[in-house]
Amino acid sequence: MSDPTQEPADSEQISEGLRVAVDLNRCQAYAQCCYAAPEHFVLQGREALFYHPAPPLSARDAVERARLACPVQAIRVEVVTDRSA
């Protein structure tokens, strides 16, 4: 296990991003996420929600706005760090 306080070795790359999951059983297609972050959430038709499950970390503010706007709390957002050798 590596020490998180140490800088990564030259051969080790750290990639950060987001993991977004929408509970489609809970989602009621109110589309508040689409209004809060239209570049990341799109409602097609009456109930088909499309979203990127792994947007870049730079999208965090917009995705968090969408998560907070969801009236049924169907959106989960996690920050992930991938260490590759």
PDB file of N, CA and C in Angstrom:
ATOM      1  N   MET A   1       0.856  -1.179   0.000  1.00  0.00           N
ATOM      2  CA  MET A   1       0.000   0.000   0.000  1.00  0.00           C
ATOM      3  C   MET A   1       0.894   1.231   0.000  1.00  0.00           C
ATOM      4  N   SER A   2       0.584   2.193  -0.836  1.00  0.00           N
ATOM      5  CA  SER A   2       1.434   3.366  -0.932  1.00  0.00           C
ATOM      6  C   SER A   2       0.962   4.456   0.029  1.00  0.00           C
ATOM      7  N   ASP A   3       1.904   5.296   0.397  1.00  0.00           N
ATOM      8  CA  ASP A   3       1.629   6.403   1.306  1.00  0.00           C
ATOM      9  C   ASP A   3       0.974   7.538   0.534  1.00  0.00           C
ATOM     10  N   PRO A   4      -0.263   7.944   0.894  1.00  0.00           N
ATOM     11  CA  PRO A   4      -0.942   8.986   0.130  1.00  0.00           C
ATOM     12  C   PRO A   4      -0.288  10.354   0.230  1.00  0.00           C
ATOM     13  N   THR A   5       0.615  10.545   1.194  1.00  0.00           N
ATOM     14  CA  THR A   5       1.291  11.833   1.342  1.00  0.00           C
ATOM     15  C   THR A   5       2.504  11.953   0.432  1.00  0.00           C
ATOM     16  N   GLN A   6       2.955  10.845  -0.149  1.00  0.00           N
ATOM     17  CA  GLN A   6       4.116  10.867  -1.037  1.00  0.00           C
ATOM     18  C   GLN A   6       3.690  11.246  -2.444  1.00  0.00           C
ATOM     19  N   GLU A   7       4.599  11.908  -3.139  1.00  0.00           N
ATOM     20  CA  GLU A   7       4.382  12.221  -4.548  1.00  0.00           C
ATOM     21  C   GLU A   7       4.471  10.922  -5.347  1.00  0.00           C
ATOM     22  N   PRO A   8       3.711  10.791  -6.429  1.00  0.00           N
ATOM     23  CA  PRO A   8       3.799   9.578  -7.235  1.00  0.00           C
ATOM     24  C   PRO A   8       5.147   9.480  -7.940  1.00  0.00           C
ATOM     25  N   ALA A   9       5.593   8.266  -8.135  1.00  0.00           N
ATOM     26  CA  ALA A   9       6.831   8.034  -8.880  1.00  0.00           C
ATOM     27  C   ALA A   9       6.613   8.464 -10.322  1.00  0.00           C
ATOM     28  N   ASP A  10       7.708   8.703 -11.043  1.00  0.00           N
ATOM     29  CA  ASP A  10       7.611   9.145 -12.433  1.00  0.00           C
ATOM     30  C   ASP A  10       6.808   8.170 -13.290  1.00  0.00           C
ATOM     31  N   SER A  11       6.927   6.872 -13.004  1.00  0.00           N
ATOM     32  CA  SER A  11       6.224   5.884 -13.809  1.00  0.00           C
ATOM     33  C   SER A  11       4.765   5.727 -13.397  1.00  0.00           C
ATOM     34  N   GLU A  12       4.370   6.349 -12.301  1.00  0.00           N
ATOM     35  CA  GLU A  12       3.003   6.226 -11.801  1.00  0.00           C
ATOM     36  C   GLU A  12       2.199   7.462 -12.196  1.00  0.00           C
ATOM     37  N   GLN A  13       1.053   7.268 -12.825  1.00  0.00           N
ATOM     38  CA  GLN A  13       0.202   8.370 -13.222  1.00  0.00           C
ATOM     39  C   GLN A  13      -1.077   8.326 -12.402  1.00  0.00           C
ATOM     40  N   ILE A  14      -1.545   9.492 -11.993  1.00  0.00           N
ATOM     41  CA  ILE A  14      -2.788   9.579 -11.245  1.00  0.00           C
ATOM     42  C   ILE A  14      -3.818  10.256 -12.127  1.00  0.00           C
ATOM     43  N   SER A  15      -4.946   9.605 -12.281  1.00  0.00           N
ATOM     44  CA  SER A  15      -6.035  10.150 -13.068  1.00  0.00           C
ATOM     45  C   SER A  15      -7.246  10.296 -12.155  1.00  0.00           C
ATOM     46  N   GLU A  16      -7.778  11.509 -12.049  1.00  0.00           N
ATOM     47  CA  GLU A  16      -8.949  11.740 -11.223  1.00  0.00           C
ATOM     48  C   GLU A  16     -10.142  12.015 -12.120  1.00  0.00           C
ATOM     49  N   GLY A  17     -11.276  11.602 -11.673  1.00  0.00           N
ATOM     50  CA  GLY A  17     -12.502  11.839 -12.408  1.00  0.00           C
ATOM     51  C   GLY A  17     -13.689  11.640 -11.493  1.00  0.00           C
ATOM     52  N   LEU A  18     -14.837  11.583 -12.076  1.00  0.00           N
ATOM     53  CA  LEU A  18     -16.067  11.383 -11.321  1.00  0.00           C
ATOM     54  C   LEU A  18     -16.722  10.080 -11.745  1.00  0.00           C
ATOM     55  N   ARG A  19     -17.465   9.525 -10.840  1.00  0.00           N
ATOM     56  CA  ARG A  19     -18.313   8.389 -11.151  1.00  0.00           C
ATOM     57  C   ARG A  19     -19.736   8.837 -10.820  1.00  0.00           C
ATOM     58  N   VAL A  20     -20.592   8.847 -11.836  1.00  0.00           N
ATOM     59  CA  VAL A  20     -21.973   9.290 -11.676  1.00  0.00           C
ATOM     60  C   VAL A  20     -22.889   8.093 -11.889  1.00  0.00           C
ATOM     61  N   ALA A  21     -23.825   7.921 -10.973  1.00  0.00           N
ATOM     62  CA  ALA A  21     -24.817   6.856 -11.106  1.00  0.00           C
ATOM     63  C   ALA A  21     -26.190   7.453 -10.824  1.00  0.00           C
ATOM     64  N   VAL A  22     -27.134   7.125 -11.680  1.00  0.00           N
ATOM     65  CA  VAL A  22     -28.513   7.567 -11.497  1.00  0.00           C
ATOM     66  C   VAL A  22     -29.365   6.328 -11.259  1.00  0.00           C
ATOM     67  N   ASP A  23     -30.082   6.327 -10.156  1.00  0.00           N
ATOM     68  CA  ASP A  23     -31.001   5.238  -9.855  1.00  0.00           C
ATOM     69  C   ASP A  23     -32.239   5.456 -10.717  1.00  0.00           C
ATOM     70  N   LEU A  24     -32.316   4.748 -11.833  1.00  0.00           N
ATOM     71  CA  LEU A  24     -33.399   4.956 -12.780  1.00  0.00           C
ATOM     72  C   LEU A  24     -34.738   4.419 -12.268  1.00  0.00           C
ATOM     73  N   ASN A  25     -34.703   3.601 -11.237  1.00  0.00           N
ATOM     74  CA  ASN A  25     -35.957   3.172 -10.597  1.00  0.00           C
ATOM     75  C   ASN A  25     -36.530   4.287  -9.734  1.00  0.00           C
ATOM     76  N   ARG A  26     -35.659   5.100  -9.192  1.00  0.00           N
ATOM     77  CA  ARG A  26     -36.082   6.221  -8.347  1.00  0.00           C
ATOM     78  C   ARG A  26     -36.410   7.470  -9.168  1.00  0.00           C
ATOM     79  N   CYS A  27     -35.689   7.657 -10.276  1.00  0.00           N
ATOM     80  CA  CYS A  27     -35.859   8.837 -11.131  1.00  0.00           C
ATOM     81  C   CYS A  27     -37.302   8.942 -11.625  1.00  0.00           C
ATOM     82  N   GLN A  28     -37.876  10.128 -11.505  1.00  0.00           N
ATOM     83  CA  GLN A  28     -39.250  10.368 -11.948  1.00  0.00           C
ATOM     84  C   GLN A  28     -39.315  11.299 -13.159  1.00  0.00           C
ATOM     85  N   ALA A  29     -38.175  11.547 -13.791  1.00  0.00           N
ATOM     86  CA  ALA A  29     -38.070  12.374 -15.002  1.00  0.00           C
ATOM     87  C   ALA A  29     -38.558  13.803 -14.784  1.00  0.00           C
ATOM     88  N   TYR A  30     -38.272  14.362 -13.615  1.00  0.00           N
ATOM     89  CA  TYR A  30     -38.589  15.771 -13.383  1.00  0.00           C
ATOM     90  C   TYR A  30     -37.657  16.688 -14.167  1.00  0.00           C
ATOM     91  N   ALA A  31     -36.523  16.172 -14.603  1.00  0.00           N
ATOM     92  CA  ALA A  31     -35.547  16.861 -15.456  1.00  0.00           C
ATOM     93  C   ALA A  31     -34.850  18.034 -14.781  1.00  0.00           C
ATOM     94  N   GLN A  32     -34.871  18.102 -13.475  1.00  0.00           N
ATOM     95  CA  GLN A  32     -34.162  19.179 -12.791  1.00  0.00           C
ATOM     96  C   GLN A  32     -32.655  19.075 -13.005  1.00  0.00           C
ATOM     97  N   CYS A  33     -32.141  17.860 -13.143  1.00  0.00           N
ATOM     98  CA  CYS A  33     -30.714  17.683 -13.436  1.00  0.00           C
ATOM     99  C   CYS A  33     -30.379  18.255 -14.809  1.00  0.00           C
ATOM    100  N   CYS A  34     -31.301  18.132 -15.741  1.00  0.00           N
ATOM    101  CA  CYS A  34     -31.084  18.646 -17.101  1.00  0.00           C
ATOM    102  C   CYS A  34     -31.028  20.168 -17.118  1.00  0.00           C
ATOM    103  N   TYR A  35     -31.813  20.794 -16.256  1.00  0.00           N
ATOM    104  CA  TYR A  35     -31.779  22.255 -16.150  1.00  0.00           C
ATOM    105  C   TYR A  35     -30.520  22.718 -15.422  1.00  0.00           C
ATOM    106  N   ALA A  36     -30.099  21.971 -14.416  1.00  0.00           N
ATOM    107  CA  ALA A  36     -28.926  22.353 -13.620  1.00  0.00           C
ATOM    108  C   ALA A  36     -27.610  22.104 -14.348  1.00  0.00           C
ATOM    109  N   ALA A  37     -27.565  21.058 -15.162  1.00  0.00           N
ATOM    110  CA  ALA A  37     -26.326  20.708 -15.874  1.00  0.00           C
ATOM    111  C   ALA A  37     -26.675  20.139 -17.245  1.00  0.00           C
ATOM    112  N   PRO A  38     -27.159  20.985 -18.160  1.00  0.00           N
ATOM    113  CA  PRO A  38     -27.609  20.486 -19.464  1.00  0.00           C
ATOM    114  C   PRO A  38     -26.511  19.864 -20.318  1.00  0.00           C
ATOM    115  N   GLU A  39     -25.260  20.174 -20.038  1.00  0.00           N
ATOM    116  CA  GLU A  39     -24.170  19.583 -20.801  1.00  0.00           C
ATOM    117  C   GLU A  39     -23.835  18.165 -20.324  1.00  0.00           C
ATOM    118  N   HIS A  40     -24.432  17.739 -19.203  1.00  0.00           N
ATOM    119  CA  HIS A  40     -24.121  16.419 -18.640  1.00  0.00           C
ATOM    120  C   HIS A  40     -25.330  15.496 -18.524  1.00  0.00           C
ATOM    121  N   PHE A  41     -26.532  16.061 -18.524  1.00  0.00           N
ATOM    122  CA  PHE A  41     -27.758  15.266 -18.395  1.00  0.00           C
ATOM    123  C   PHE A  41     -28.741  15.702 -19.481  1.00  0.00           C
ATOM    124  N   VAL A  42     -29.304  14.731 -20.201  1.00  0.00           N
ATOM    125  CA  VAL A  42     -30.239  15.018 -21.290  1.00  0.00           C
ATOM    126  C   VAL A  42     -31.423  14.072 -21.165  1.00  0.00           C
ATOM    127  N   LEU A  43     -32.603  14.631 -21.186  1.00  0.00           N
ATOM    128  CA  LEU A  43     -33.820  13.831 -21.175  1.00  0.00           C
ATOM    129  C   LEU A  43     -34.336  13.747 -22.609  1.00  0.00           C
ATOM    130  N   GLN A  44     -34.410  12.537 -23.136  1.00  0.00           N
ATOM    131  CA  GLN A  44     -34.922  12.349 -24.493  1.00  0.00           C
ATOM    132  C   GLN A  44     -36.271  11.643 -24.392  1.00  0.00           C
ATOM    133  N   GLY A  45     -37.220  12.178 -25.101  1.00  0.00           N
ATOM    134  CA  GLY A  45     -38.565  11.647 -24.963  1.00  0.00           C
ATOM    135  C   GLY A  45     -39.132  12.076 -23.629  1.00  0.00           C
ATOM    136  N   ARG A  46     -40.015  11.295 -23.105  1.00  0.00           N
ATOM    137  CA  ARG A  46     -40.650  11.662 -21.831  1.00  0.00           C
ATOM    138  C   ARG A  46     -39.903  11.134 -20.620  1.00  0.00           C
ATOM    139  N   GLU A  47     -39.143  10.040 -20.797  1.00  0.00           N
ATOM    140  CA  GLU A  47     -38.520   9.442 -19.617  1.00  0.00           C
ATOM    141  C   GLU A  47     -37.124   8.882 -19.814  1.00  0.00           C
ATOM    142  N   ALA A  48     -36.502   9.044 -20.959  1.00  0.00           N
ATOM    143  CA  ALA A  48     -35.187   8.451 -21.214  1.00  0.00           C
ATOM    144  C   ALA A  48     -34.079   9.440 -20.842  1.00  0.00           C
ATOM    145  N   LEU A  49     -33.452   9.212 -19.703  1.00  0.00           N
ATOM    146  CA  LEU A  49     -32.375  10.076 -19.228  1.00  0.00           C
ATOM    147  C   LEU A  49     -31.040   9.531 -19.715  1.00  0.00           C
ATOM    148  N   PHE A  50     -30.263  10.399 -20.359  1.00  0.00           N
ATOM    149  CA  PHE A  50     -28.919  10.056 -20.793  1.00  0.00           C
ATOM    150  C   PHE A  50     -27.935  10.917 -20.026  1.00  0.00           C
ATOM    151  N   TYR A  51     -26.841  10.293 -19.578  1.00  0.00           N
ATOM    152  CA  TYR A  51     -25.811  11.013 -18.831  1.00  0.00           C
ATOM    153  C   TYR A  51     -24.489  10.286 -19.004  1.00  0.00           C
ATOM    154  N   HIS A  52     -23.403  11.004 -18.749  1.00  0.00           N
ATOM    155  CA  HIS A  52     -22.068  10.409 -18.842  1.00  0.00           C
ATOM    156  C   HIS A  52     -21.729   9.824 -17.476  1.00  0.00           C
ATOM    157  N   PRO A  53     -21.460   8.512 -17.380  1.00  0.00           N
ATOM    158  CA  PRO A  53     -21.187   7.903 -16.075  1.00  0.00           C
ATOM    159  C   PRO A  53     -19.795   8.202 -15.521  1.00  0.00           C
ATOM    160  N   ALA A  54     -18.894   8.751 -16.352  1.00  0.00           N
ATOM    161  CA  ALA A  54     -17.532   9.029 -15.885  1.00  0.00           C
ATOM    162  C   ALA A  54     -17.024  10.351 -16.460  1.00  0.00           C
ATOM    163  N   PRO A  55     -17.649  11.468 -16.079  1.00  0.00           N
ATOM    164  CA  PRO A  55     -17.174  12.755 -16.593  1.00  0.00           C
ATOM    165  C   PRO A  55     -15.861  13.156 -15.931  1.00  0.00           C
ATOM    166  N   PRO A  56     -15.151  14.112 -16.524  1.00  0.00           N
ATOM    167  CA  PRO A  56     -13.887  14.564 -15.923  1.00  0.00           C
ATOM    168  C   PRO A  56     -14.140  15.329 -14.624  1.00  0.00           C
ATOM    169  N   LEU A  57     -13.123  15.432 -13.825  1.00  0.00           N
ATOM    170  CA  LEU A  57     -13.228  16.129 -12.545  1.00  0.00           C
ATOM    171  C   LEU A  57     -13.621  17.593 -12.729  1.00  0.00           C
ATOM    172  N   SER A  58     -13.296  18.164 -13.859  1.00  0.00           N
ATOM    173  CA  SER A  58     -13.650  19.559 -14.123  1.00  0.00           C
ATOM    174  C   SER A  58     -15.166  19.776 -14.190  1.00  0.00           C
ATOM    175  N   ALA A  59     -15.924  18.716 -14.345  1.00  0.00           N
ATOM    176  CA  ALA A  59     -17.389  18.810 -14.403  1.00  0.00           C
ATOM    177  C   ALA A  59     -18.036  18.714 -13.026  1.00  0.00           C
ATOM    178  N   ARG A  60     -17.229  18.641 -11.986  1.00  0.00           N
ATOM    179  CA  ARG A  60     -17.754  18.378 -10.643  1.00  0.00           C
ATOM    180  C   ARG A  60     -18.810  19.386 -10.192  1.00  0.00           C
ATOM    181  N   ASP A  61     -18.571  20.683 -10.385  1.00  0.00           N
ATOM    182  CA  ASP A  61     -19.535  21.692  -9.935  1.00  0.00           C
ATOM    183  C   ASP A  61     -20.887  21.517 -10.616  1.00  0.00           C
ATOM    184  N   ALA A  62     -20.880  21.322 -11.912  1.00  0.00           N
ATOM    185  CA  ALA A  62     -22.133  21.166 -12.652  1.00  0.00           C
ATOM    186  C   ALA A  62     -22.861  19.888 -12.249  1.00  0.00           C
ATOM    187  N   VAL A  63     -22.121  18.798 -12.099  1.00  0.00           N
ATOM    188  CA  VAL A  63     -22.744  17.527 -11.726  1.00  0.00           C
ATOM    189  C   VAL A  63     -23.291  17.600 -10.301  1.00  0.00           C
ATOM    190  N   GLU A  64     -22.575  18.276  -9.408  1.00  0.00           N
ATOM    191  CA  GLU A  64     -23.077  18.448  -8.037  1.00  0.00           C
ATOM    192  C   GLU A  64     -24.349  19.296  -8.014  1.00  0.00           C
ATOM    193  N   ARG A  65     -24.409  20.330  -8.868  1.00  0.00           N
ATOM    194  CA  ARG A  65     -25.649  21.127  -8.974  1.00  0.00           C
ATOM    195  C   ARG A  65     -26.815  20.237  -9.385  1.00  0.00           C
ATOM    196  N   ALA A  66     -26.568  19.363 -10.337  1.00  0.00           N
ATOM    197  CA  ALA A  66     -27.610  18.447 -10.795  1.00  0.00           C
ATOM    198  C   ALA A  66     -28.026  17.489  -9.687  1.00  0.00           C
ATOM    199  N   ARG A  67     -27.052  16.973  -8.959  1.00  0.00           N
ATOM    200  CA  ARG A  67     -27.356  16.051  -7.846  1.00  0.00           C
ATOM    201  C   ARG A  67     -28.235  16.733  -6.810  1.00  0.00           C
ATOM    202  N   LEU A  68     -27.876  17.962  -6.464  1.00  0.00           N
ATOM    203  CA  LEU A  68     -28.635  18.697  -5.455  1.00  0.00           C
ATOM    204  C   LEU A  68     -30.020  19.103  -5.956  1.00  0.00           C
ATOM    205  N   ALA A  69     -30.156  19.282  -7.258  1.00  0.00           N
ATOM    206  CA  ALA A  69     -31.443  19.699  -7.824  1.00  0.00           C
ATOM    207  C   ALA A  69     -32.442  18.557  -7.925  1.00  0.00           C
ATOM    208  N   CYS A  70     -31.982  17.327  -7.875  1.00  0.00           N
ATOM    209  CA  CYS A  70     -32.877  16.176  -8.040  1.00  0.00           C
ATOM    210  C   CYS A  70     -33.831  16.064  -6.848  1.00  0.00           C
ATOM    211  N   PRO A  71     -35.142  16.205  -7.082  1.00  0.00           N
ATOM    212  CA  PRO A  71     -36.092  16.177  -5.969  1.00  0.00           C
ATOM    213  C   PRO A  71     -36.254  14.799  -5.322  1.00  0.00           C
ATOM    214  N   VAL A  72     -35.847  13.735  -6.015  1.00  0.00           N
ATOM    215  CA  VAL A  72     -35.979  12.396  -5.442  1.00  0.00           C
ATOM    216  C   VAL A  72     -34.622  11.785  -5.078  1.00  0.00           C
ATOM    217  N   GLN A  73     -33.571  12.590  -5.158  1.00  0.00           N
ATOM    218  CA  GLN A  73     -32.209  12.187  -4.788  1.00  0.00           C
ATOM    219  C   GLN A  73     -31.783  10.897  -5.493  1.00  0.00           C
ATOM    220  N   ALA A  74     -31.972  10.864  -6.814  1.00  0.00           N
ATOM    221  CA  ALA A  74     -31.644   9.674  -7.593  1.00  0.00           C
ATOM    222  C   ALA A  74     -30.211   9.670  -8.112  1.00  0.00           C
ATOM    223  N   ILE A  75     -29.485  10.785  -7.938  1.00  0.00           N
ATOM    224  CA  ILE A  75     -28.131  10.902  -8.501  1.00  0.00           C
ATOM    225  C   ILE A  75     -27.085  10.738  -7.413  1.00  0.00           C
ATOM    226  N   ARG A  76     -26.100   9.867  -7.686  1.00  0.00           N
ATOM    227  CA  ARG A  76     -24.975   9.681  -6.769  1.00  0.00           C
ATOM    228  C   ARG A  76     -23.699  10.064  -7.506  1.00  0.00           C
ATOM    229  N   VAL A  77     -22.829  10.813  -6.836  1.00  0.00           N
ATOM    230  CA  VAL A  77     -21.576  11.280  -7.442  1.00  0.00           C
ATOM    231  C   VAL A  77     -20.423  10.926  -6.517  1.00  0.00           C
ATOM    232  N   GLU A  78     -19.387  10.344  -7.083  1.00  0.00           N
ATOM    233  CA  GLU A  78     -18.172  10.020  -6.336  1.00  0.00           C
ATOM    234  C   GLU A  78     -16.960  10.550  -7.097  1.00  0.00           C
ATOM    235  N   VAL A  79     -15.956  10.990  -6.371  1.00  0.00           N
ATOM    236  CA  VAL A  79     -14.663  11.328  -6.959  1.00  0.00           C
ATOM    237  C   VAL A  79     -13.812  10.074  -6.897  1.00  0.00           C
ATOM    238  N   VAL A  80     -13.240   9.702  -8.036  1.00  0.00           N
ATOM    239  CA  VAL A  80     -12.399   8.509  -8.085  1.00  0.00           C
ATOM    240  C   VAL A  80     -10.990   8.874  -8.498  1.00  0.00           C
ATOM    241  N   THR A  81     -10.042   8.179  -7.930  1.00  0.00           N
ATOM    242  CA  THR A  81      -8.641   8.349  -8.275  1.00  0.00           C
ATOM    243  C   THR A  81      -8.119   7.015  -8.763  1.00  0.00           C
ATOM    244  N   ASP A  82      -7.573   6.993  -9.949  1.00  0.00           N
ATOM    245  CA  ASP A  82      -7.041   5.778 -10.533  1.00  0.00           C
ATOM    246  C   ASP A  82      -5.529   5.913 -10.595  1.00  0.00           C
ATOM    247  N   ARG A  83      -4.834   5.050  -9.897  1.00  0.00           N
ATOM    248  CA  ARG A  83      -3.368   5.053  -9.952  1.00  0.00           C
ATOM    249  C   ARG A  83      -2.938   3.943 -10.878  1.00  0.00           C
ATOM    250  N   SER A  84      -2.261   4.323 -11.944  1.00  0.00           N
ATOM    251  CA  SER A  84      -1.781   3.343 -12.919  1.00  0.00           C
ATOM    252  C   SER A  84      -0.266   3.294 -12.898  1.00  0.00           C
ATOM    253  N   ALA A  85       0.253   2.112 -13.015  1.00  0.00           N
ATOM    254  CA  ALA A  85       1.725   1.962 -13.032  1.00  0.00           C
ATOM    255  C   ALA A  85       2.230   2.001 -14.436  1.00  0.00           C
TER     256      ALA A  85
END
